[in-house]
Amino acid sequence: MHVNHLRRTMLGFLTLAPVSGLIACGYRLRGMADLPFKVIAITGSPSPPLRADLQTAILTGTDAKVAINPKDADLILDITNDLNGREILAYNSNGQVSAYRLNIRVGFRAYDNTGADVVPEAEIYITRDMDFSVSTVLATDVQMQQFLSLMRRDLAIQILRRVSASARAPQARSF
């Protein structure tokens, strides 16, 4: 019994040692974005799930906070559209749907508190193919909702990465 406990403890130390070394040198996990903004407001017309995913991505993947009032923010993330859809991808030999393509299209713009564009009007589009079976409709509906949820989370991270890349890019100067 004591040997197993000691073995488990040593395994825990061996697992945590490389991770703690990476954290100490400033390594950030995938999905995190390095934003030069301290407070971000989300405006426009995001769906409630997209708004929640954006807020979660900001709070867990950046050092920024989320403002309710855009006047309190140094970056405004304006969601101009948020469209979900699905299209039939394939039929089986009986003429029944056998696969769908799920898609989400999000239009956005990001600007600072002076109104200067950080990211001019842009759009991110993501798709995911999924098999469908008439015999497992309920399970397929659950799977579709899980896919859409994962797609929205990925979109939220992609939006923050685009803002991060644009904020760090040298701005064009006119002479």
Foldseek 3Di string as FASTA:
>chain_A
DVVVVVVVVVVVCVVVVVVVVCVVVPHADPLAFEAPWAEEEEEEDDDVLLVVLLQCSPVPRYNHHYDPDLLPTQKYKYWHDKDKDKDQDDADPVRHGFKIKIKIKIWIWMDGPVRHTLGHTDMDMDIDMDTDDPVPNVVVVVVVVVVVSVVSNVVSSVVSNSSRVSNPDDDDDDD
